Structures are given as C-alpha cells and as structure tokens.
Amino acid sequence: LFYELFFYFLFGLFLALGRVRTVLATSAVLTALSLASLVVQPEIALIYFITRPILLIFVFGMALALWREGGGQAPVLVRLLALAAAFAFLLYFPAPADPTAGDFTYLAWAGAPAMLIAFAVLAGPLSLPLPGLVNEAGNISYALYLIHVPMGWAWQFIYRQLVYPAEAWGFFISLVLATFVSSWIFYRFFER
C-alpha cells in the first residue's frame, strides 16, 4: 500500500503536464529511484523504501495503459507466449532471500510474472464466458482490495455469533461470500 500511495503522490505531482507527459515524468522518476537502489543503503527507511525496484511495475502498468489507449493490441499467440514466459519466470527464479525488500531479485521472482500475466490478459479483447459477470467482478475489484482485511476481522466476530462451535470451511466460504457481497455494495453505493 505504501508503494501505491507513493505512486499516486508522484503521479499527482505531474498531472498538470497532460496524460502522456505525466506518464513519462512519473516513469522517469520511478526509474531513477529504482536505479538508485543499487547504491542506497537501508539506514534511512523512507529513502530505502522509495528506491525499491518494485516501483518499476508501475512504469510497466502505465506503459501498457498508454499502449492500449492508443489502440495497441497483441496477437493471441504473443499473449500466450507472455503467459508461458510468466510461468517460466515462476519456475526458474527462486524466492529471494528477503521477499519484502522489493529489490531486483523480487522483480524477477514476482514482478516479471505479474507484468507478463497482465500483458497476456490486457493486451487485447478476450472472449470469456459470462462477460457481464466478469465485468462486474472487475468493477468490484478495487472495493474488494480495500475491504477484504477489515471484512475478515469483522467476520471473525460475526461468524462466532452465528455459528457455534465455529467451523473452518464454513467460516472461509461464508467470509468469501460476505466479502464479495460487501464489495459489490461498496462499489455500487460508495465508489461509483
């Protein structure tokens, strides 16, 4: 969440430049900060955190968005190759010694597969079953991201009041359903 907030802060600083220049300026700063990670030591926490290469994932996301908005599309074969490459990264690169460091080894282990999967999914139209349901799931995804942890805490209390003795699978299934319903309500009545 820190990285997301930091990204939005930087992006917001450049908004007056227009869409493409905002992306280019934000990308330049994030890239420079990521390269600075090669020499920055962790003595000052804030400087350490704002120089992690994990920030390059935002650069990729912005580039992908601009490319798609400009009409960019990749053939299905290229998208399938990107998906295969994502799995190759997952198989080839071991977990870094410190997965929380957000360094270049983390980027190879988790960032590259995530970016390749995003490209495979977003680089053109997809024919999926139940497209209305898929679109609605996309609509509620940010609300789901925001409320899933608080919902988990609240549901522990609620579930114990409703079901005694508590049962793990019942808790899990009901928590998932309650979280999706809550996310849909949050999206419909607050986020929109």
N, C-alpha and C. Protein backbone atom coordinates (compact mmCIF):
# COMPACT_ATOMS: atom_id res chain seq x y z
N LEU A 1 0.83 -1.19 0.00
CA LEU A 1 0.00 0.00 0.00
C LEU A 1 0.88 1.25 0.00
N PHE A 2 2.01 1.19 0.69
CA PHE A 2 2.93 2.33 0.69
C PHE A 2 3.35 2.67 -0.74
N TYR A 3 3.70 1.66 -1.52
CA TYR A 3 4.16 1.90 -2.88
C TYR A 3 3.03 2.47 -3.75
N GLU A 4 1.85 1.99 -3.54
CA GLU A 4 0.71 2.51 -4.29
C GLU A 4 0.47 3.98 -3.95
N LEU A 5 0.49 4.30 -2.66
CA LEU A 5 0.30 5.70 -2.26
C LEU A 5 1.43 6.58 -2.79
N PHE A 6 2.64 6.09 -2.73
CA PHE A 6 3.78 6.85 -3.24
C PHE A 6 3.63 7.08 -4.74
N PHE A 7 3.21 6.04 -5.47
CA PHE A 7 3.00 6.18 -6.92
C PHE A 7 1.94 7.24 -7.20
N TYR A 8 0.82 7.19 -6.51
CA TYR A 8 -0.24 8.17 -6.76
C TYR A 8 0.21 9.58 -6.39
N PHE A 9 1.01 9.71 -5.35
CA PHE A 9 1.56 11.01 -4.98
C PHE A 9 2.41 11.57 -6.11
N LEU A 10 3.35 10.76 -6.61
CA LEU A 10 4.20 11.21 -7.71
C LEU A 10 3.39 11.52 -8.96
N PHE A 11 2.49 10.63 -9.30
CA PHE A 11 1.65 10.81 -10.48
C PHE A 11 0.87 12.12 -10.36
N GLY A 12 0.34 12.37 -9.17
CA GLY A 12 -0.42 13.60 -8.93
C GLY A 12 0.41 14.86 -9.09
N LEU A 13 1.69 14.79 -8.76
CA LEU A 13 2.57 15.95 -8.91
C LEU A 13 2.68 16.39 -10.37
N PHE A 14 2.55 15.46 -11.30
CA PHE A 14 2.76 15.76 -12.71
C PHE A 14 1.46 15.87 -13.52
N LEU A 15 0.31 15.76 -12.88
CA LEU A 15 -0.96 15.74 -13.62
C LEU A 15 -1.16 16.94 -14.53
N ALA A 16 -0.67 18.10 -14.15
CA ALA A 16 -0.87 19.30 -14.97
C ALA A 16 -0.15 19.21 -16.31
N LEU A 17 0.75 18.26 -16.48
CA LEU A 17 1.50 18.12 -17.72
C LEU A 17 0.72 17.46 -18.85
N GLY A 18 -0.43 16.90 -18.53
CA GLY A 18 -1.18 16.13 -19.53
C GLY A 18 -0.86 14.65 -19.39
N ARG A 19 -1.70 13.83 -19.98
CA ARG A 19 -1.63 12.39 -19.76
C ARG A 19 -0.28 11.77 -20.14
N VAL A 20 0.17 11.97 -21.35
CA VAL A 20 1.41 11.31 -21.80
C VAL A 20 2.62 11.85 -21.05
N ARG A 21 2.71 13.16 -20.89
CA ARG A 21 3.84 13.73 -20.17
C ARG A 21 3.82 13.34 -18.69
N THR A 22 2.64 13.21 -18.12
CA THR A 22 2.55 12.75 -16.72
C THR A 22 3.13 11.35 -16.59
N VAL A 23 2.77 10.48 -17.52
CA VAL A 23 3.29 9.11 -17.51
C VAL A 23 4.81 9.12 -17.71
N LEU A 24 5.28 9.91 -18.66
CA LEU A 24 6.73 9.96 -18.92
C LEU A 24 7.50 10.51 -17.73
N ALA A 25 7.00 11.59 -17.12
CA ALA A 25 7.70 12.18 -15.97
C ALA A 25 7.68 11.23 -14.78
N THR A 26 6.53 10.64 -14.51
CA THR A 26 6.43 9.69 -13.39
C THR A 26 7.34 8.50 -13.64
N SER A 27 7.35 8.01 -14.87
CA SER A 27 8.21 6.87 -15.22
C SER A 27 9.68 7.21 -15.04
N ALA A 28 10.07 8.41 -15.44
CA ALA A 28 11.48 8.82 -15.30
C ALA A 28 11.88 8.86 -13.83
N VAL A 29 11.03 9.42 -12.99
CA VAL A 29 11.35 9.49 -11.55
C VAL A 29 11.41 8.09 -10.95
N LEU A 30 10.42 7.26 -11.26
CA LEU A 30 10.40 5.90 -10.70
C LEU A 30 11.60 5.08 -11.17
N THR A 31 11.98 5.24 -12.42
CA THR A 31 13.14 4.51 -12.94
C THR A 31 14.42 4.99 -12.26
N ALA A 32 14.56 6.31 -12.13
CA ALA A 32 15.76 6.86 -11.46
C ALA A 32 15.83 6.39 -10.02
N LEU A 33 14.70 6.41 -9.32
CA LEU A 33 14.68 5.95 -7.93
C LEU A 33 15.04 4.47 -7.85
N SER A 34 14.53 3.68 -8.78
CA SER A 34 14.82 2.24 -8.77
C SER A 34 16.30 1.98 -9.02
N LEU A 35 16.90 2.73 -9.93
CA LEU A 35 18.33 2.58 -10.18
C LEU A 35 19.16 3.03 -8.97
N ALA A 36 18.65 4.01 -8.25
CA ALA A 36 19.35 4.47 -7.04
C ALA A 36 19.42 3.37 -5.99
N SER A 37 18.53 2.39 -6.08
CA SER A 37 18.54 1.29 -5.11
C SER A 37 19.85 0.52 -5.13
N LEU A 38 20.58 0.63 -6.23
CA LEU A 38 21.85 -0.08 -6.35
C LEU A 38 22.91 0.48 -5.40
N VAL A 39 22.72 1.72 -4.95
CA VAL A 39 23.70 2.33 -4.06
C VAL A 39 23.12 2.76 -2.71
N VAL A 40 21.80 2.86 -2.60
CA VAL A 40 21.17 3.31 -1.35
C VAL A 40 21.21 2.20 -0.31
N GLN A 41 21.63 2.55 0.87
CA GLN A 41 21.66 1.61 1.99
C GLN A 41 20.41 1.83 2.86
N PRO A 42 20.01 0.85 3.64
CA PRO A 42 18.74 0.94 4.38
C PRO A 42 18.78 1.76 5.67
N GLU A 43 19.76 2.63 5.85
CA GLU A 43 19.83 3.38 7.10
C GLU A 43 18.63 4.31 7.30
N ILE A 44 18.19 4.97 6.25
CA ILE A 44 17.04 5.88 6.34
C ILE A 44 15.87 5.18 5.66
N ALA A 45 14.92 4.76 6.46
CA ALA A 45 13.83 3.90 5.97
C ALA A 45 13.08 4.50 4.79
N LEU A 46 12.69 5.77 4.87
CA LEU A 46 11.90 6.37 3.80
C LEU A 46 12.67 6.35 2.48
N ILE A 47 13.94 6.74 2.51
CA ILE A 47 14.73 6.75 1.27
C ILE A 47 14.92 5.33 0.76
N TYR A 48 15.12 4.40 1.66
CA TYR A 48 15.26 3.00 1.26
C TYR A 48 13.99 2.52 0.55
N PHE A 49 12.83 2.81 1.13
CA PHE A 49 11.58 2.31 0.55
C PHE A 49 11.23 2.98 -0.78
N ILE A 50 11.56 4.26 -0.94
CA ILE A 50 11.20 4.92 -2.20
C ILE A 50 12.23 4.66 -3.30
N THR A 51 13.20 3.82 -3.04
CA THR A 51 14.18 3.45 -4.07
C THR A 51 14.14 1.95 -4.38
N ARG A 52 13.05 1.30 -4.10
CA ARG A 52 12.94 -0.13 -4.38
C ARG A 52 12.53 -0.36 -5.83
N PRO A 53 13.16 -1.30 -6.52
CA PRO A 53 12.83 -1.60 -7.92
C PRO A 53 11.39 -2.09 -8.14
N ILE A 54 10.70 -2.45 -7.10
CA ILE A 54 9.29 -2.84 -7.25
C ILE A 54 8.49 -1.71 -7.91
N LEU A 55 8.98 -0.49 -7.80
CA LEU A 55 8.31 0.67 -8.42
C LEU A 55 8.24 0.55 -9.94
N LEU A 56 9.12 -0.24 -10.53
CA LEU A 56 9.12 -0.40 -11.99
C LEU A 56 7.85 -1.08 -12.49
N ILE A 57 7.16 -1.79 -11.62
CA ILE A 57 5.89 -2.41 -12.02
C ILE A 57 4.89 -1.32 -12.39
N PHE A 58 4.91 -0.19 -11.70
CA PHE A 58 4.02 0.92 -12.04
C PHE A 58 4.38 1.50 -13.41
N VAL A 59 5.66 1.56 -13.72
CA VAL A 59 6.09 2.06 -15.03
C VAL A 59 5.51 1.16 -16.12
N PHE A 60 5.61 -0.15 -15.91
CA PHE A 60 5.06 -1.10 -16.88
C PHE A 60 3.55 -0.90 -17.03
N GLY A 61 2.85 -0.77 -15.90
CA GLY A 61 1.39 -0.59 -15.94
C GLY A 61 0.98 0.65 -16.70
N MET A 62 1.71 1.75 -16.47
CA MET A 62 1.39 2.99 -17.20
C MET A 62 1.67 2.83 -18.69
N ALA A 63 2.78 2.19 -19.03
CA ALA A 63 3.12 1.99 -20.45
C ALA A 63 2.07 1.11 -21.13
N LEU A 64 1.65 0.07 -20.45
CA LEU A 64 0.62 -0.82 -21.00
C LEU A 64 -0.69 -0.05 -21.20
N ALA A 65 -1.06 0.78 -20.23
CA ALA A 65 -2.30 1.55 -20.36
C ALA A 65 -2.23 2.52 -21.53
N LEU A 66 -1.12 3.23 -21.68
CA LEU A 66 -0.99 4.16 -22.82
C LEU A 66 -1.02 3.42 -24.15
N TRP A 67 -0.35 2.29 -24.20
CA TRP A 67 -0.31 1.49 -25.42
C TRP A 67 -1.72 1.03 -25.80
N ARG A 68 -2.46 0.54 -24.81
CA ARG A 68 -3.83 0.07 -25.08
C ARG A 68 -4.75 1.23 -25.47
N GLU A 69 -4.61 2.37 -24.78
CA GLU A 69 -5.44 3.53 -25.12
C GLU A 69 -5.15 4.02 -26.53
N GLY A 70 -3.93 3.82 -26.98
CA GLY A 70 -3.55 4.20 -28.34
C GLY A 70 -3.96 3.18 -29.38
N GLY A 71 -4.69 2.15 -28.96
CA GLY A 71 -5.16 1.13 -29.89
C GLY A 71 -4.27 -0.09 -29.99
N GLY A 72 -3.24 -0.14 -29.16
CA GLY A 72 -2.33 -1.29 -29.20
C GLY A 72 -3.02 -2.60 -28.85
N GLN A 73 -2.71 -3.61 -29.61
CA GLN A 73 -3.21 -4.96 -29.35
C GLN A 73 -2.12 -5.95 -29.73
N ALA A 74 -2.06 -7.03 -29.00
CA ALA A 74 -1.10 -8.09 -29.33
C ALA A 74 -1.87 -9.30 -29.85
N PRO A 75 -1.29 -9.98 -30.82
CA PRO A 75 -1.94 -11.21 -31.30
C PRO A 75 -2.04 -12.24 -30.17
N VAL A 76 -2.99 -13.13 -30.31
CA VAL A 76 -3.23 -14.13 -29.28
C VAL A 76 -1.97 -14.96 -29.03
N LEU A 77 -1.23 -15.29 -30.08
CA LEU A 77 -0.02 -16.09 -29.91
C LEU A 77 1.00 -15.37 -29.03
N VAL A 78 1.18 -14.09 -29.23
CA VAL A 78 2.12 -13.31 -28.42
C VAL A 78 1.65 -13.29 -26.97
N ARG A 79 0.36 -13.16 -26.77
CA ARG A 79 -0.19 -13.15 -25.41
C ARG A 79 0.00 -14.51 -24.73
N LEU A 80 -0.18 -15.57 -25.49
CA LEU A 80 0.05 -16.91 -24.93
C LEU A 80 1.53 -17.12 -24.61
N LEU A 81 2.41 -16.60 -25.45
CA LEU A 81 3.85 -16.68 -25.16
C LEU A 81 4.20 -15.89 -23.90
N ALA A 82 3.56 -14.75 -23.72
CA ALA A 82 3.80 -13.96 -22.50
C ALA A 82 3.34 -14.75 -21.27
N LEU A 83 2.22 -15.43 -21.39
CA LEU A 83 1.74 -16.26 -20.29
C LEU A 83 2.70 -17.40 -20.00
N ALA A 84 3.19 -18.04 -21.05
CA ALA A 84 4.18 -19.12 -20.87
C ALA A 84 5.46 -18.57 -20.23
N ALA A 85 5.88 -17.38 -20.66
CA ALA A 85 7.08 -16.77 -20.07
C ALA A 85 6.86 -16.46 -18.59
N ALA A 86 5.66 -16.07 -18.24
CA ALA A 86 5.36 -15.81 -16.82
C ALA A 86 5.57 -17.07 -15.99
N PHE A 87 5.09 -18.19 -16.50
CA PHE A 87 5.26 -19.44 -15.77
C PHE A 87 6.72 -19.88 -15.75
N ALA A 88 7.46 -19.57 -16.82
CA ALA A 88 8.89 -19.88 -16.84
C ALA A 88 9.61 -19.07 -15.75
N PHE A 89 9.26 -17.80 -15.62
CA PHE A 89 9.85 -16.98 -14.55
C PHE A 89 9.54 -17.58 -13.19
N LEU A 90 8.29 -18.01 -13.01
CA LEU A 90 7.89 -18.58 -11.72
C LEU A 90 8.68 -19.85 -11.41
N LEU A 91 8.96 -20.64 -12.43
CA LEU A 91 9.69 -21.88 -12.23
C LEU A 91 11.19 -21.65 -12.09
N TYR A 92 11.73 -20.69 -12.85
CA TYR A 92 13.17 -20.51 -12.90
C TYR A 92 13.73 -19.69 -11.74
N PHE A 93 13.04 -18.63 -11.38
CA PHE A 93 13.57 -17.73 -10.35
C PHE A 93 13.08 -18.14 -8.97
N PRO A 94 13.99 -18.46 -8.08
CA PRO A 94 13.59 -18.83 -6.72
C PRO A 94 13.17 -17.59 -5.94
N ALA A 95 12.46 -17.81 -4.85
CA ALA A 95 12.08 -16.71 -3.98
C ALA A 95 13.35 -16.02 -3.49
N PRO A 96 13.34 -14.70 -3.46
CA PRO A 96 14.53 -14.00 -2.97
C PRO A 96 14.75 -14.27 -1.48
N ALA A 97 15.97 -14.05 -1.04
CA ALA A 97 16.30 -14.26 0.38
C ALA A 97 15.40 -13.40 1.26
N ASP A 98 15.11 -12.19 0.81
CA ASP A 98 14.22 -11.30 1.56
C ASP A 98 13.13 -10.80 0.61
N PRO A 99 12.00 -11.51 0.54
CA PRO A 99 10.94 -11.11 -0.38
C PRO A 99 10.34 -9.74 -0.08
N THR A 100 10.55 -9.24 1.12
CA THR A 100 9.99 -7.93 1.47
C THR A 100 10.87 -6.78 1.01
N ALA A 101 12.06 -7.06 0.50
CA ALA A 101 12.98 -5.99 0.11
C ALA A 101 12.55 -5.27 -1.16
N GLY A 102 11.75 -5.91 -2.00
CA GLY A 102 11.29 -5.27 -3.22
C GLY A 102 12.42 -4.92 -4.17
N ASP A 103 13.49 -5.71 -4.16
CA ASP A 103 14.66 -5.41 -4.97
C ASP A 103 14.55 -6.07 -6.35
N PHE A 104 15.67 -6.08 -7.10
CA PHE A 104 15.63 -6.63 -8.45
C PHE A 104 15.37 -8.14 -8.44
N THR A 105 15.82 -8.85 -7.40
CA THR A 105 15.52 -10.29 -7.35
C THR A 105 14.03 -10.50 -7.12
N TYR A 106 13.41 -9.63 -6.35
CA TYR A 106 11.95 -9.71 -6.17
C TYR A 106 11.25 -9.41 -7.49
N LEU A 107 11.78 -8.44 -8.22
CA LEU A 107 11.19 -8.07 -9.50
C LEU A 107 11.23 -9.25 -10.47
N ALA A 108 12.33 -10.00 -10.49
CA ALA A 108 12.43 -11.18 -11.36
C ALA A 108 11.52 -12.30 -10.87
N TRP A 109 11.43 -12.47 -9.56
CA TRP A 109 10.66 -13.57 -8.97
C TRP A 109 9.16 -13.33 -9.06
N ALA A 110 8.69 -12.14 -8.73
CA ALA A 110 7.25 -11.88 -8.68
C ALA A 110 6.80 -10.80 -9.65
N GLY A 111 7.62 -9.77 -9.84
CA GLY A 111 7.22 -8.66 -10.70
C GLY A 111 7.11 -9.03 -12.17
N ALA A 112 8.12 -9.70 -12.69
CA ALA A 112 8.10 -10.07 -14.11
C ALA A 112 6.92 -10.99 -14.43
N PRO A 113 6.66 -12.04 -13.63
CA PRO A 113 5.49 -12.85 -13.93
C PRO A 113 4.18 -12.04 -13.86
N ALA A 114 4.08 -11.16 -12.89
CA ALA A 114 2.86 -10.34 -12.78
C ALA A 114 2.68 -9.46 -14.00
N MET A 115 3.78 -8.84 -14.46
CA MET A 115 3.69 -7.97 -15.63
C MET A 115 3.36 -8.77 -16.89
N LEU A 116 3.94 -9.94 -17.03
CA LEU A 116 3.65 -10.77 -18.20
C LEU A 116 2.21 -11.27 -18.19
N ILE A 117 1.70 -11.63 -17.03
CA ILE A 117 0.30 -12.06 -16.94
C ILE A 117 -0.62 -10.88 -17.24
N ALA A 118 -0.30 -9.70 -16.71
CA ALA A 118 -1.11 -8.50 -17.01
C ALA A 118 -1.12 -8.24 -18.52
N PHE A 119 0.04 -8.34 -19.15
CA PHE A 119 0.10 -8.15 -20.60
C PHE A 119 -0.76 -9.18 -21.32
N ALA A 120 -0.64 -10.45 -20.93
CA ALA A 120 -1.40 -11.52 -21.59
C ALA A 120 -2.91 -11.28 -21.47
N VAL A 121 -3.34 -10.79 -20.34
CA VAL A 121 -4.77 -10.59 -20.11
C VAL A 121 -5.26 -9.27 -20.74
N LEU A 122 -4.45 -8.23 -20.68
CA LEU A 122 -4.92 -6.89 -21.05
C LEU A 122 -4.53 -6.43 -22.46
N ALA A 123 -3.75 -7.20 -23.18
CA ALA A 123 -3.22 -6.75 -24.46
C ALA A 123 -4.18 -6.94 -25.63
N GLY A 124 -5.44 -7.03 -25.34
CA GLY A 124 -6.45 -7.15 -26.38
C GLY A 124 -7.72 -7.74 -25.82
N PRO A 125 -8.75 -7.76 -26.65
CA PRO A 125 -10.02 -8.30 -26.15
C PRO A 125 -9.92 -9.80 -25.86
N LEU A 126 -10.71 -10.21 -24.89
CA LEU A 126 -10.80 -11.63 -24.54
C LEU A 126 -12.25 -12.08 -24.67
N SER A 127 -12.44 -13.27 -25.16
CA SER A 127 -13.78 -13.85 -25.19
C SER A 127 -13.89 -14.77 -23.98
N LEU A 128 -14.64 -14.32 -23.00
CA LEU A 128 -14.80 -15.10 -21.78
C LEU A 128 -16.26 -15.47 -21.60
N PRO A 129 -16.52 -16.60 -20.95
CA PRO A 129 -17.91 -16.91 -20.65
C PRO A 129 -18.45 -15.94 -19.61
N LEU A 130 -19.72 -15.67 -19.67
CA LEU A 130 -20.40 -14.76 -18.73
C LEU A 130 -19.70 -13.41 -18.65
N PRO A 131 -19.58 -12.68 -19.76
CA PRO A 131 -18.83 -11.42 -19.75
C PRO A 131 -19.40 -10.39 -18.78
N GLY A 132 -20.72 -10.38 -18.59
CA GLY A 132 -21.30 -9.44 -17.63
C GLY A 132 -20.81 -9.69 -16.22
N LEU A 133 -20.71 -10.97 -15.85
CA LEU A 133 -20.22 -11.33 -14.52
C LEU A 133 -18.74 -10.99 -14.39
N VAL A 134 -17.97 -11.23 -15.44
CA VAL A 134 -16.55 -10.91 -15.43
C VAL A 134 -16.36 -9.39 -15.28
N ASN A 135 -17.14 -8.61 -16.02
CA ASN A 135 -17.05 -7.15 -15.91
C ASN A 135 -17.44 -6.67 -14.52
N GLU A 136 -18.48 -7.26 -13.96
CA GLU A 136 -18.90 -6.87 -12.60
C GLU A 136 -17.82 -7.22 -11.58
N ALA A 137 -17.15 -8.36 -11.77
CA ALA A 137 -16.04 -8.72 -10.88
C ALA A 137 -14.92 -7.68 -11.00
N GLY A 138 -14.66 -7.22 -12.21
CA GLY A 138 -13.67 -6.16 -12.40
C GLY A 138 -14.10 -4.87 -11.72
N ASN A 139 -15.40 -4.57 -11.80
CA ASN A 139 -15.91 -3.35 -11.17
C ASN A 139 -15.69 -3.36 -9.66
N ILE A 140 -15.90 -4.51 -9.04
CA ILE A 140 -15.80 -4.56 -7.57
C ILE A 140 -14.38 -4.85 -7.08
N SER A 141 -13.43 -5.04 -8.00
CA SER A 141 -12.10 -5.48 -7.58
C SER A 141 -11.41 -4.48 -6.66
N TYR A 142 -11.56 -3.20 -6.91
CA TYR A 142 -10.88 -2.23 -6.04
C TYR A 142 -11.54 -2.21 -4.66
N ALA A 143 -12.86 -2.27 -4.63
CA ALA A 143 -13.55 -2.34 -3.35
C ALA A 143 -13.13 -3.59 -2.59
N LEU A 144 -13.01 -4.69 -3.29
CA LEU A 144 -12.57 -5.95 -2.68
C LEU A 144 -11.17 -5.78 -2.09
N TYR A 145 -10.30 -5.13 -2.83
CA TYR A 145 -8.94 -4.86 -2.35
C TYR A 145 -8.97 -4.02 -1.08
N LEU A 146 -9.86 -3.01 -1.04
CA LEU A 146 -9.91 -2.11 0.11
C LEU A 146 -10.48 -2.75 1.37
N ILE A 147 -11.52 -3.58 1.20
CA ILE A 147 -12.25 -4.02 2.40
C ILE A 147 -12.02 -5.47 2.80
N HIS A 148 -11.21 -6.23 2.08
CA HIS A 148 -11.11 -7.65 2.42
C HIS A 148 -10.51 -7.88 3.80
N VAL A 149 -9.52 -7.09 4.20
CA VAL A 149 -8.93 -7.31 5.52
C VAL A 149 -9.88 -6.89 6.65
N PRO A 150 -10.45 -5.66 6.59
CA PRO A 150 -11.42 -5.30 7.64
C PRO A 150 -12.60 -6.26 7.68
N MET A 151 -13.03 -6.74 6.52
CA MET A 151 -14.15 -7.69 6.48
C MET A 151 -13.75 -9.00 7.17
N GLY A 152 -12.51 -9.44 6.98
CA GLY A 152 -12.04 -10.66 7.65
C GLY A 152 -12.06 -10.51 9.16
N TRP A 153 -11.64 -9.35 9.65
CA TRP A 153 -11.66 -9.11 11.10
C TRP A 153 -13.10 -9.10 11.61
N ALA A 154 -13.96 -8.38 10.91
CA ALA A 154 -15.36 -8.28 11.36
C ALA A 154 -16.06 -9.64 11.28
N TRP A 155 -15.76 -10.38 10.22
CA TRP A 155 -16.46 -11.66 10.04
C TRP A 155 -16.06 -12.68 11.11
N GLN A 156 -14.86 -12.58 11.65
CA GLN A 156 -14.49 -13.47 12.75
C GLN A 156 -15.46 -13.31 13.91
N PHE A 157 -15.78 -12.07 14.24
CA PHE A 157 -16.71 -11.81 15.34
C PHE A 157 -18.12 -12.24 14.96
N ILE A 158 -18.58 -11.85 13.77
CA ILE A 158 -19.95 -12.17 13.33
C ILE A 158 -20.15 -13.67 13.24
N TYR A 159 -19.21 -14.37 12.65
CA TYR A 159 -19.35 -15.81 12.44
C TYR A 159 -19.46 -16.55 13.76
N ARG A 160 -18.67 -16.13 14.75
CA ARG A 160 -18.72 -16.79 16.06
C ARG A 160 -20.08 -16.59 16.73
N GLN A 161 -20.73 -15.47 16.42
CA GLN A 161 -22.06 -15.23 16.99
C GLN A 161 -23.12 -16.08 16.29
N LEU A 162 -22.93 -16.34 15.00
CA LEU A 162 -23.91 -17.08 14.21
C LEU A 162 -23.72 -18.59 14.29
N VAL A 163 -22.49 -19.05 14.39
CA VAL A 163 -22.20 -20.49 14.34
C VAL A 163 -21.33 -20.85 15.53
N TYR A 164 -21.84 -21.74 16.36
CA TYR A 164 -21.04 -22.21 17.48
C TYR A 164 -21.20 -23.71 17.55
N PRO A 165 -20.16 -24.48 17.59
CA PRO A 165 -18.76 -24.08 17.51
C PRO A 165 -18.41 -23.71 16.07
N ALA A 166 -17.48 -22.80 15.95
CA ALA A 166 -17.04 -22.31 14.65
C ALA A 166 -16.42 -23.45 13.85
N GLU A 167 -16.63 -23.44 12.55
CA GLU A 167 -16.12 -24.48 11.66
C GLU A 167 -15.32 -23.81 10.56
N ALA A 168 -14.11 -24.29 10.29
CA ALA A 168 -13.16 -23.58 9.42
C ALA A 168 -13.67 -23.40 7.99
N TRP A 169 -14.16 -24.47 7.36
CA TRP A 169 -14.61 -24.34 5.97
C TRP A 169 -15.84 -23.46 5.87
N GLY A 170 -16.74 -23.60 6.81
CA GLY A 170 -17.92 -22.74 6.83
C GLY A 170 -17.54 -21.28 6.97
N PHE A 171 -16.58 -21.03 7.86
CA PHE A 171 -16.09 -19.66 8.04
C PHE A 171 -15.49 -19.13 6.74
N PHE A 172 -14.62 -19.92 6.13
CA PHE A 172 -13.94 -19.47 4.92
C PHE A 172 -14.93 -19.17 3.80
N ILE A 173 -15.83 -20.10 3.53
CA ILE A 173 -16.79 -19.93 2.44
C ILE A 173 -17.72 -18.75 2.71
N SER A 174 -18.21 -18.64 3.93
CA SER A 174 -19.10 -17.53 4.25
C SER A 174 -18.36 -16.19 4.23
N LEU A 175 -17.08 -16.19 4.63
CA LEU A 175 -16.28 -14.97 4.57
C LEU A 175 -16.08 -14.51 3.13
N VAL A 176 -15.77 -15.44 2.23
CA VAL A 176 -15.59 -15.08 0.83
C VAL A 176 -16.89 -14.51 0.27
N LEU A 177 -17.99 -15.17 0.53
CA LEU A 177 -19.28 -14.68 0.03
C LEU A 177 -19.62 -13.31 0.62
N ALA A 178 -19.46 -13.16 1.94
CA ALA A 178 -19.76 -11.89 2.60
C ALA A 178 -18.86 -10.78 2.07
N THR A 179 -17.61 -11.09 1.79
CA THR A 179 -16.67 -10.09 1.29
C THR A 179 -17.06 -9.66 -0.13
N PHE A 180 -17.45 -10.61 -0.97
CA PHE A 180 -17.87 -10.25 -2.33
C PHE A 180 -19.15 -9.42 -2.30
N VAL A 181 -20.10 -9.79 -1.47
CA VAL A 181 -21.35 -9.01 -1.36
C VAL A 181 -21.05 -7.61 -0.82
N SER A 182 -20.22 -7.52 0.20
CA SER A 182 -19.85 -6.22 0.77
C SER A 182 -19.12 -5.37 -0.26
N SER A 183 -18.26 -5.99 -1.05
CA SER A 183 -17.53 -5.26 -2.08
C SER A 183 -18.48 -4.73 -3.15
N TRP A 184 -19.45 -5.54 -3.52
CA TRP A 184 -20.44 -5.11 -4.52
C TRP A 184 -21.23 -3.92 -3.97
N ILE A 185 -21.66 -4.00 -2.72
CA ILE A 185 -22.40 -2.89 -2.09
C ILE A 185 -21.52 -1.65 -2.03
N PHE A 186 -20.28 -1.81 -1.62
CA PHE A 186 -19.35 -0.68 -1.53
C PHE A 186 -19.17 -0.03 -2.90
N TYR A 187 -18.99 -0.85 -3.93
CA TYR A 187 -18.82 -0.32 -5.29
C TYR A 187 -20.06 0.43 -5.74
N ARG A 188 -21.23 -0.21 -5.58
CA ARG A 188 -22.48 0.37 -6.09
C ARG A 188 -22.87 1.67 -5.38
N PHE A 189 -22.71 1.71 -4.05
CA PHE A 189 -23.26 2.84 -3.30
C PHE A 189 -22.24 3.85 -2.81
N PHE A 190 -20.94 3.53 -2.88
CA PHE A 190 -19.92 4.46 -2.42
C PHE A 190 -18.93 4.80 -3.52
N GLU A 191 -18.29 3.79 -4.07
CA GLU A 191 -17.22 4.04 -5.03
C GLU A 191 -17.73 4.74 -6.28
N ARG A 192 -18.87 4.33 -6.82
CA ARG A 192 -19.40 4.94 -8.02
C ARG A 192 -19.79 6.36 -7.78
